[in-house]
Amino acid sequence: MNPIPLASASLLVSISAAFADEITSALPAPAVVSPASKAPAPKLVEPHLHIARSNIAGRARIALTFDACMGQADERILSTLVRERIPATIFVTARWLKRNPAALAVFLQNPDLFELENHGENHIPAVDTPTLIYGIASAGSPQAVRQEVEGGAAAMVAAGIPAPHWFRGSTAKYDLSAIGEIRAMGYRIAGYSVNGDGGSLLGAVITEKRIASAKDGDVVISHVNQPTHAAGEGVAKALVDLKAKGTEFVRLEDVEDTGDDKTTE
């Protein structure tokens, strides 16, 4: 697998703030991380994912993936996807589903465009050891990781969505044991290769440039739950840019893929 250029230090700060902003005080308390604990911090990974390339000049194949964490639907992005008939994979939490029935109806009315997958029950990082990620407490135990995954899936099925096959956890970071546990539950774990919107905190212009620069075989991650952020405008423009360039858009379920850290083996 080719190395993937990751975000700059300043972008990582933005991502950290974005993920922290996604977590609210309404969350049920995960495992407590004791300041006095001497246990070493778990090794965390942020997996990459690529899809099979088209290998056709002028017709790059990319997978657009969007996280719907909490908050409201970004109609700028959603309306562009529908109007331009651009397929995408949407990772939804149980919490987001409860607050956005109108957007869910749009997804369900366009099964040729939207693949809905599991982003968890309460948007808690899927790490089975107590730790902090961007200041957010992890699930903290195998049982809590399982609840986060199964709770998200149960909410999806209850909402009329087909049972999911992919999982992407909050913060997109995992420890290796949690990856094994989630894979044993039958899920592929969705990493990415292009961070489109920096946790939705980037400006419109840089977001547009980042997404529009996606290459053949890339998996792009952005957010569809921050309608007041400037990044959403950039996402919508980038979708039109890519379509004009002849890009082939695919959902994760429609193409072969390769993920590192044993996330898709």
Protein backbone atom coordinates (compact mmCIF):
# COMPACT_ATOMS: atom_id res chain seq x y z
CA MET A 1 0.00 0.00 0.00
CA ASN A 2 1.33 3.45 -0.90
CA PRO A 3 1.91 5.82 2.02
CA ILE A 4 -0.89 8.37 2.35
CA PRO A 5 0.03 12.02 3.02
CA LEU A 6 -1.69 12.91 6.25
CA ALA A 7 -2.94 16.29 7.49
CA SER A 8 -0.53 18.96 8.61
CA ALA A 9 -0.07 19.75 12.27
CA SER A 10 -2.50 22.64 12.03
CA LEU A 11 -5.12 20.41 10.45
CA LEU A 12 -4.73 17.87 13.21
CA VAL A 13 -5.51 20.60 15.72
CA SER A 14 -8.66 21.42 13.76
CA ILE A 15 -9.66 17.78 13.60
CA SER A 16 -9.15 17.44 17.33
CA ALA A 17 -11.41 20.38 17.99
CA ALA A 18 -13.99 19.07 15.57
CA PHE A 19 -14.23 15.66 17.15
CA ALA A 20 -14.43 17.24 20.59
CA ASP A 21 -17.23 19.48 19.35
CA GLU A 22 -19.15 16.41 18.15
CA ILE A 23 -19.37 14.98 21.67
CA THR A 24 -21.96 16.53 23.97
CA SER A 25 -22.68 16.25 27.65
CA ALA A 26 -25.74 14.12 26.83
CA LEU A 27 -23.58 11.10 26.16
CA PRO A 28 -23.84 8.18 28.56
CA ALA A 29 -20.66 7.96 30.60
CA PRO A 30 -18.08 5.55 29.12
CA ALA A 31 -15.39 3.94 31.19
CA VAL A 32 -13.70 6.45 33.51
CA VAL A 33 -10.06 7.22 32.87
CA SER A 34 -8.38 7.73 36.23
CA PRO A 35 -5.64 10.39 36.27
CA ALA A 36 -3.79 8.28 38.82
CA SER A 37 -3.77 5.20 36.61
CA LYS A 38 -0.28 4.00 35.69
CA ALA A 39 -1.47 1.77 32.85
CA PRO A 40 0.29 2.60 29.57
CA ALA A 41 -1.78 4.28 26.90
CA PRO A 42 -2.98 1.84 24.24
CA LYS A 43 -1.43 1.94 20.80
CA LEU A 44 -3.95 3.65 18.54
CA VAL A 45 -4.16 3.42 14.76
CA GLU A 46 -6.07 5.49 12.21
CA PRO A 47 -6.55 3.05 9.33
CA HIS A 48 -6.38 3.93 5.67
CA LEU A 49 -8.71 2.55 3.03
CA HIS A 50 -8.45 2.43 -0.75
CA ILE A 51 -10.80 1.08 -3.38
CA ALA A 52 -9.95 -0.67 -6.64
CA ARG A 53 -8.79 1.86 -9.21
CA SER A 54 -10.46 2.28 -12.58
CA ASN A 55 -7.05 2.64 -14.27
CA ILE A 56 -8.79 4.64 -17.00
CA ALA A 57 -7.18 7.94 -17.93
CA GLY A 58 -9.48 10.85 -17.21
CA ARG A 59 -11.94 8.69 -15.26
CA ALA A 60 -10.72 8.43 -11.69
CA ARG A 61 -12.81 6.24 -9.40
CA ILE A 62 -13.38 7.51 -5.86
CA ALA A 63 -15.64 6.66 -2.93
CA LEU A 64 -17.25 9.55 -1.10
CA THR A 65 -17.97 8.77 2.54
CA PHE A 66 -19.75 11.09 4.94
CA ASP A 67 -20.07 10.88 8.71
CA ALA A 68 -23.39 11.90 10.27
CA CYS A 69 -22.33 12.19 13.89
CA MET A 70 -24.73 14.46 15.74
CA GLY A 71 -26.44 17.72 14.82
CA GLN A 72 -28.52 18.37 11.73
CA ALA A 73 -28.30 17.37 8.07
CA ASP A 74 -26.30 19.66 5.78
CA GLU A 75 -28.75 20.31 2.97
CA ARG A 76 -26.04 21.94 0.85
CA ILE A 77 -24.32 18.59 0.54
CA LEU A 78 -27.37 16.37 0.53
CA SER A 79 -29.18 18.35 -2.16
CA THR A 80 -26.06 18.36 -4.34
CA LEU A 81 -25.70 14.59 -4.09
CA VAL A 82 -29.34 14.10 -5.08
CA ARG A 83 -29.43 16.75 -7.82
CA GLU A 84 -26.19 15.57 -9.43
CA ARG A 85 -27.03 11.87 -8.87
CA ILE A 86 -23.74 11.25 -7.08
CA PRO A 87 -23.60 8.05 -5.00
CA ALA A 88 -22.06 8.09 -1.52
CA THR A 89 -21.70 6.00 1.62
CA ILE A 90 -23.18 7.66 4.72
CA PHE A 91 -22.09 6.59 8.23
CA VAL A 92 -24.91 7.39 10.67
CA THR A 93 -25.12 7.30 14.46
CA ALA A 94 -28.26 6.34 16.35
CA ARG A 95 -28.31 9.85 17.78
CA TRP A 96 -28.26 11.51 14.36
CA LEU A 97 -31.02 9.27 13.05
CA LYS A 98 -33.34 10.34 15.87
CA ARG A 99 -32.88 14.03 15.02
CA ASN A 100 -33.05 13.86 11.23
CA PRO A 101 -36.08 11.89 9.99
CA ALA A 102 -36.45 14.09 6.88
CA ALA A 103 -32.87 13.44 5.75
CA LEU A 104 -33.29 9.73 6.47
CA ALA A 105 -36.36 9.73 4.23
CA VAL A 106 -34.27 11.21 1.41
CA PHE A 107 -31.66 8.49 1.87
CA LEU A 108 -34.26 5.73 1.82
CA GLN A 109 -35.99 7.22 -1.22
CA ASN A 110 -32.73 7.08 -3.19
CA PRO A 111 -31.33 3.57 -2.65
CA ASP A 112 -29.41 3.82 -5.94
CA LEU A 113 -27.41 6.70 -4.48
CA PHE A 114 -26.98 6.09 -0.78
CA GLU A 115 -25.40 3.24 1.13
CA LEU A 116 -26.07 3.69 4.85
CA GLU A 117 -23.53 2.25 7.28
CA ASN A 118 -22.83 2.19 11.03
CA HIS A 119 -21.15 5.09 12.85
CA GLY A 120 -22.11 3.82 16.31
CA GLU A 121 -24.78 4.37 18.90
CA ASN A 122 -23.45 7.42 20.76
CA HIS A 123 -20.35 8.46 18.80
CA ILE A 124 -17.91 7.06 21.39
CA PRO A 125 -14.41 6.06 20.21
CA ALA A 126 -14.21 2.31 19.62
CA VAL A 127 -11.18 1.68 21.84
CA ASP A 128 -11.49 -1.09 24.43
CA THR A 129 -8.99 0.35 26.92
CA PRO A 130 -9.76 3.46 29.01
CA THR A 131 -8.00 6.44 27.41
CA LEU A 132 -8.64 9.89 26.05
CA ILE A 133 -8.69 10.66 22.32
CA TYR A 134 -8.75 14.36 21.51
CA GLY A 135 -9.93 14.76 25.10
CA ILE A 136 -12.82 12.31 24.58
CA ALA A 137 -13.16 9.23 26.79
CA SER A 138 -13.02 5.97 24.86
CA ALA A 139 -15.52 3.15 25.21
CA GLY A 140 -12.99 1.61 27.59
CA SER A 141 -13.88 -2.09 27.51
CA PRO A 142 -14.70 -4.82 24.98
CA GLN A 143 -18.29 -4.82 26.25
CA ALA A 144 -18.64 -1.07 25.70
CA VAL A 145 -17.16 -1.31 22.21
CA ARG A 146 -19.68 -4.03 21.38
CA GLN A 147 -22.53 -1.90 22.71
CA GLU A 148 -21.42 1.07 20.61
CA VAL A 149 -21.37 -1.07 17.47
CA GLU A 150 -24.47 -3.15 18.14
CA GLY A 151 -26.46 -0.16 19.42
CA GLY A 152 -25.78 1.72 16.21
CA ALA A 153 -26.78 -1.22 14.06
CA ALA A 154 -29.97 -1.84 16.03
CA ALA A 155 -31.04 1.79 15.60
CA MET A 156 -30.47 1.57 11.87
CA VAL A 157 -32.57 -1.56 11.46
CA ALA A 158 -35.31 -0.05 13.63
CA ALA A 159 -35.33 2.97 11.29
CA GLY A 160 -35.91 0.78 8.25
CA ILE A 161 -32.31 0.69 7.05
CA PRO A 162 -30.81 -2.62 5.85
CA ALA A 163 -28.42 -4.22 8.33
CA PRO A 164 -25.01 -2.51 7.98
CA HIS A 165 -21.80 -4.22 6.90
CA TRP A 166 -19.30 -1.42 7.56
CA PHE A 167 -18.41 0.36 10.78
CA ARG A 168 -16.53 3.60 11.33
CA GLY A 169 -15.96 4.68 14.92
CA SER A 170 -15.88 8.15 16.41
CA THR A 171 -12.51 9.89 15.81
CA ALA A 172 -11.63 7.13 13.28
CA LYS A 173 -9.07 5.79 15.78
CA TYR A 174 -8.97 2.28 17.26
CA ASP A 175 -6.70 -0.01 19.20
CA LEU A 176 -5.77 -3.27 17.51
CA SER A 177 -7.75 -5.44 19.91
CA ALA A 178 -10.92 -3.43 19.24
CA ILE A 179 -10.36 -3.84 15.51
CA GLY A 180 -10.24 -7.60 16.04
CA GLU A 181 -13.42 -7.51 18.10
CA ILE A 182 -15.32 -5.46 15.53
CA ARG A 183 -14.12 -7.66 12.68
CA ALA A 184 -15.25 -10.74 14.66
CA MET A 185 -18.72 -9.17 14.76
CA GLY A 186 -18.76 -9.34 10.98
CA TYR A 187 -17.97 -5.71 10.12
CA ARG A 188 -15.43 -4.23 7.79
CA ILE A 189 -13.89 -1.10 9.30
CA ALA A 190 -13.88 2.00 7.11
CA GLY A 191 -10.72 4.01 7.08
CA TYR A 192 -10.04 6.66 4.43
CA SER A 193 -7.27 8.10 2.28
CA VAL A 194 -8.32 11.75 1.87
CA ASN A 195 -9.48 13.92 4.78
CA GLY A 196 -11.78 16.28 2.94
CA ASP A 197 -12.99 18.76 5.53
CA GLY A 198 -10.74 18.41 8.59
CA GLY A 199 -13.58 17.34 10.85
CA SER A 200 -15.78 19.99 9.16
CA LEU A 201 -13.60 22.82 10.52
CA LEU A 202 -11.75 23.74 7.34
CA GLY A 203 -12.79 26.71 5.26
CA ALA A 204 -14.79 26.32 2.08
CA VAL A 205 -11.91 26.99 -0.32
CA ILE A 206 -9.42 24.53 1.19
CA THR A 207 -12.14 21.89 1.59
CA GLU A 208 -13.05 22.21 -2.07
CA LYS A 209 -9.39 21.88 -3.11
CA ARG A 210 -8.75 18.88 -0.88
CA ILE A 211 -11.73 16.88 -2.11
CA ALA A 212 -11.34 17.90 -5.75
CA SER A 213 -7.73 16.66 -5.63
CA ALA A 214 -8.82 13.06 -4.90
CA LYS A 215 -7.11 10.51 -7.13
CA ASP A 216 -8.10 7.19 -8.65
CA GLY A 217 -8.77 4.72 -5.80
CA ASP A 218 -9.17 7.28 -3.02
CA VAL A 219 -11.73 7.13 -0.22
CA VAL A 220 -12.75 10.61 0.92
CA ILE A 221 -14.08 11.34 4.42
CA SER A 222 -16.18 14.44 5.12
CA HIS A 223 -19.14 15.36 7.31
CA VAL A 224 -22.80 15.86 6.46
CA ASN A 225 -23.96 17.06 9.89
CA GLN A 226 -22.61 20.60 10.21
CA PRO A 227 -24.89 22.87 8.14
CA THR A 228 -23.55 26.06 9.77
CA HIS A 229 -19.89 25.34 8.96
CA ALA A 230 -18.19 26.81 5.89
CA ALA A 231 -16.71 23.43 5.00
CA GLY A 232 -20.07 22.21 3.71
CA GLU A 233 -20.04 24.81 0.95
CA GLY A 234 -16.63 23.57 -0.14
CA VAL A 235 -17.79 19.96 -0.11
CA ALA A 236 -20.75 20.77 -2.37
CA LYS A 237 -18.54 22.67 -4.83
CA ALA A 238 -15.98 19.88 -4.90
CA LEU A 239 -18.63 17.32 -5.81
CA VAL A 240 -19.53 19.36 -8.88
CA ASP A 241 -15.82 19.84 -9.70
CA LEU A 242 -15.17 16.11 -9.60
CA LYS A 243 -18.21 15.27 -11.69
CA ALA A 244 -17.13 17.78 -14.33
CA LYS A 245 -13.73 16.03 -14.48
CA GLY A 246 -15.42 12.73 -15.35
CA THR A 247 -14.96 11.11 -11.95
CA GLU A 248 -16.61 7.75 -11.37
CA PHE A 249 -18.30 7.80 -7.96
CA VAL A 250 -18.86 4.50 -6.18
CA ARG A 251 -20.20 3.35 -2.84
CA LEU A 252 -18.13 1.05 -0.65
CA GLU A 253 -20.51 -1.83 -1.25
CA ASP A 254 -20.02 -1.59 -5.02
CA VAL A 255 -16.26 -2.08 -5.34
CA GLU A 256 -13.33 -4.06 -3.99
CA ASP A 257 -11.28 -2.39 -1.28
CA THR A 258 -8.05 -2.66 0.68
CA GLY A 259 -7.69 -1.46 4.28
CA ASP A 260 -4.64 -1.57 6.50
CA ASP A 261 -4.34 -2.70 10.14
CA LYS A 262 -6.45 -5.78 9.30
CA THR A 263 -9.59 -3.68 8.98
CA THR A 264 -10.90 -5.42 5.86
CA GLU A 265 -9.09 -8.78 5.70
